């Protein structure tokens, strides 16, 4: 009887953990937003769209540890921005935003995750119109090469002895 209750508790805990990890990968969408699931591109990928509130696209991008990439955002509007969220993290904070961090983000991914790319039109800025066109470039890059250390110069004969090392 005791063995059965332990198995039940373990099964319930496993089910709970699977549910929590699945929830971490499901983005919270605003009404009218459409989710597009992307695959990590082998070559540069360009996404084009419109940041109209309520009818815009958001994108999920799975990334793996060790991938080196650059994401760039372009818009003619000074009120259109891109925010990138890590869906594997429990917080709702973007780890990159073009409103504060510049128009491109280059990184080597540290751990497997799914990112949410959310283009948006700022609601707090005085503006005209209902949105703006945008373009997002996702560029896979070759991993940064380690700089080889220069070879030590061979010792040359000298008339003067070397000074002792300072401590």
Protein backbone atom coordinates (compact mmCIF):
# COMPACT_ATOMS: atom_id res chain seq x y z
CA UNK A 1 0.00 0.00 0.00
CA UNK A 2 2.81 2.39 0.93
CA UNK A 3 4.63 1.51 -2.31
CA UNK A 4 1.53 2.42 -4.36
CA UNK A 5 1.18 5.85 -2.71
CA UNK A 6 4.88 6.64 -3.36
CA UNK A 7 4.42 5.70 -7.04
CA UNK A 8 1.32 7.91 -7.25
CA UNK A 9 3.18 10.87 -5.75
CA UNK A 10 6.12 10.39 -8.14
CA UNK A 11 3.77 10.13 -11.14
CA UNK A 12 1.89 13.28 -10.07
CA UNK A 13 5.16 15.19 -9.61
CA UNK A 14 6.38 14.11 -13.05
CA UNK A 15 3.09 15.18 -14.64
CA UNK A 16 3.29 18.54 -12.84
CA UNK A 17 6.86 19.14 -14.06
CA UNK A 18 5.89 18.28 -17.65
CA UNK A 19 2.97 20.71 -17.44
CA UNK A 20 5.17 23.50 -16.02
CA UNK A 21 7.80 23.05 -18.76
CA UNK A 22 5.08 23.06 -21.43
CA UNK A 23 3.62 26.25 -19.95
CA UNK A 24 7.03 27.89 -20.03
CA UNK A 25 7.18 27.28 -23.80
CA UNK A 26 3.69 28.68 -24.53
CA UNK A 27 3.73 32.46 -25.10
CA UNK A 28 1.01 34.75 -23.81
CA UNK A 29 -0.52 36.41 -26.88
CA UNK A 30 -2.42 39.67 -27.03
CA UNK A 31 -5.93 39.50 -28.56
CA UNK A 32 -5.67 39.19 -32.33
CA UNK A 33 -1.95 38.31 -32.43
CA UNK A 34 -0.96 35.42 -34.67
CA UNK A 35 1.84 33.05 -33.66
CA UNK A 36 4.29 31.82 -36.30
CA UNK A 37 6.66 29.03 -35.34
CA UNK A 38 10.05 29.34 -37.02
CA UNK A 39 12.94 26.92 -37.37
CA UNK A 40 16.52 28.12 -36.90
CA UNK A 41 17.58 29.11 -40.44
CA UNK A 42 20.56 27.66 -42.29
CA UNK A 43 20.91 30.96 -44.21
CA UNK A 44 19.69 34.50 -43.55
CA UNK A 45 15.92 34.64 -43.04
CA UNK A 46 13.89 37.82 -43.55
CA UNK A 47 10.50 38.34 -41.90
CA UNK A 48 8.30 41.22 -43.04
CA UNK A 49 5.13 42.44 -41.43
CA UNK A 50 3.08 45.22 -39.92
CA UNK A 51 3.03 46.16 -36.23
CA UNK A 52 -0.68 47.00 -36.17
CA UNK A 53 -1.96 46.50 -32.63
CA UNK A 54 -4.15 43.42 -32.38
CA UNK A 55 -3.40 41.98 -35.81
CA UNK A 56 0.36 41.53 -35.83
CA UNK A 57 2.49 38.42 -36.00
CA UNK A 58 4.77 37.19 -33.23
CA UNK A 59 7.38 34.51 -33.82
CA UNK A 60 8.86 31.65 -31.80
CA UNK A 61 12.44 30.68 -32.64
CA UNK A 62 14.02 27.56 -31.11
CA UNK A 63 17.73 28.04 -30.44
CA UNK A 64 20.39 25.57 -29.31
CA UNK A 65 23.45 26.07 -27.16
CA UNK A 66 26.47 27.08 -29.21
CA UNK A 67 24.57 28.67 -32.12
CA UNK A 68 26.01 32.06 -33.08
CA UNK A 69 23.51 34.47 -34.59
CA UNK A 70 22.51 38.05 -35.26
CA UNK A 71 18.96 39.43 -35.23
CA UNK A 72 18.39 42.86 -36.80
CA UNK A 73 15.22 44.95 -36.81
CA UNK A 74 14.34 47.60 -39.39
CA UNK A 75 11.38 50.00 -39.60
CA UNK A 76 10.80 53.41 -41.15
CA UNK A 77 8.80 54.35 -38.05
CA UNK A 78 10.64 55.60 -35.00
CA UNK A 79 7.80 54.14 -32.87
CA UNK A 80 8.15 50.49 -34.01
CA UNK A 81 10.31 48.19 -31.88
CA UNK A 82 11.25 44.53 -31.36
CA UNK A 83 11.37 42.73 -28.01
CA UNK A 84 12.92 39.26 -27.57
CA UNK A 85 11.81 37.04 -24.69
CA UNK A 86 13.19 33.69 -23.49
CA UNK A 87 10.19 31.39 -23.03
CA UNK A 88 12.21 28.95 -20.90
CA UNK A 89 12.56 31.61 -18.17
CA UNK A 90 9.67 32.25 -15.76
CA UNK A 91 9.95 36.06 -15.85
CA UNK A 92 8.06 38.24 -18.33
CA UNK A 93 10.96 40.59 -19.01
CA UNK A 94 12.47 40.87 -22.48
CA UNK A 95 16.22 40.19 -22.50
CA UNK A 96 16.63 42.39 -25.60
CA UNK A 97 14.64 45.35 -26.88
CA UNK A 98 15.43 47.65 -29.78
CA UNK A 99 14.01 50.62 -27.85
CA UNK A 100 16.98 50.50 -25.43
CA UNK A 101 19.58 48.07 -26.79
CA UNK A 102 20.03 49.16 -30.42
CA UNK A 103 18.64 47.76 -33.65
CA UNK A 104 20.61 44.50 -33.75
CA UNK A 105 21.46 41.71 -31.32
CA UNK A 106 24.44 39.40 -31.82
CA UNK A 107 25.07 36.49 -29.47
CA UNK A 108 26.24 32.94 -29.00
CA UNK A 109 23.41 31.00 -27.39
CA UNK A 110 24.36 29.64 -23.96
CA UNK A 111 21.56 27.07 -23.48
CA UNK A 112 18.77 25.45 -25.46
CA UNK A 113 15.64 27.60 -25.40
CA UNK A 114 12.74 28.98 -27.39
CA UNK A 115 12.72 32.73 -27.98
CA UNK A 116 9.68 34.87 -28.68
CA UNK A 117 10.25 37.70 -31.17
CA UNK A 118 7.56 40.34 -30.69
CA UNK A 119 7.52 43.40 -32.97
CA UNK A 120 5.33 46.16 -31.52
CA UNK A 121 4.21 49.73 -32.03
CA UNK A 122 4.71 51.93 -28.96
CA UNK A 123 1.42 52.94 -27.35
CA UNK A 124 2.88 55.75 -25.26
CA UNK A 125 4.47 57.78 -28.07
CA UNK A 126 2.55 60.55 -29.83
CA UNK A 127 2.05 59.21 -33.31
CA UNK A 128 -0.20 59.05 -36.35
CA UNK A 129 -1.54 55.92 -37.94
CA UNK A 130 -2.30 52.47 -36.64
CA UNK A 131 1.02 50.75 -37.10
CA UNK A 132 4.18 50.53 -39.13
CA UNK A 133 5.89 48.12 -41.51
CA UNK A 134 8.93 46.23 -40.21
CA UNK A 135 11.56 43.76 -41.30
CA UNK A 136 13.49 41.30 -39.14
CA UNK A 137 16.69 39.61 -40.34
CA UNK A 138 17.83 36.43 -38.60
CA UNK A 139 21.40 35.60 -39.61
CA UNK A 140 23.20 32.44 -38.50
CA UNK A 141 26.89 33.30 -38.12
CA UNK A 142 29.99 31.15 -38.01
CA UNK A 143 31.16 30.62 -34.46
CA UNK A 144 33.76 33.11 -33.34
CA UNK A 145 37.17 31.63 -33.95
CA UNK A 146 39.59 31.47 -31.05
CA UNK A 147 42.62 33.60 -31.77
CA UNK A 148 45.71 31.40 -31.77
CA UNK A 149 48.37 32.49 -29.31
CA UNK A 150 51.46 33.86 -31.02
CA UNK A 151 54.39 31.49 -30.87
CA UNK A 152 57.05 32.52 -28.38
CA UNK A 153 60.14 33.90 -30.02
CA UNK A 154 63.10 31.57 -29.83
CA UNK A 155 65.77 32.74 -27.43
CA UNK A 156 68.58 34.60 -29.06
CA UNK A 157 72.09 34.52 -27.73
CA UNK A 158 72.92 37.63 -25.74
CA UNK A 159 76.03 39.17 -24.24
CA UNK A 160 74.05 40.26 -21.18
CA UNK A 161 72.38 37.87 -18.72
CA UNK A 162 68.63 38.10 -18.24
CA UNK A 163 67.37 40.07 -15.27
CA UNK A 164 65.79 37.95 -12.53
CA UNK A 165 62.00 37.84 -12.53
CA UNK A 166 60.35 40.44 -10.27
CA UNK A 167 58.13 39.12 -7.48
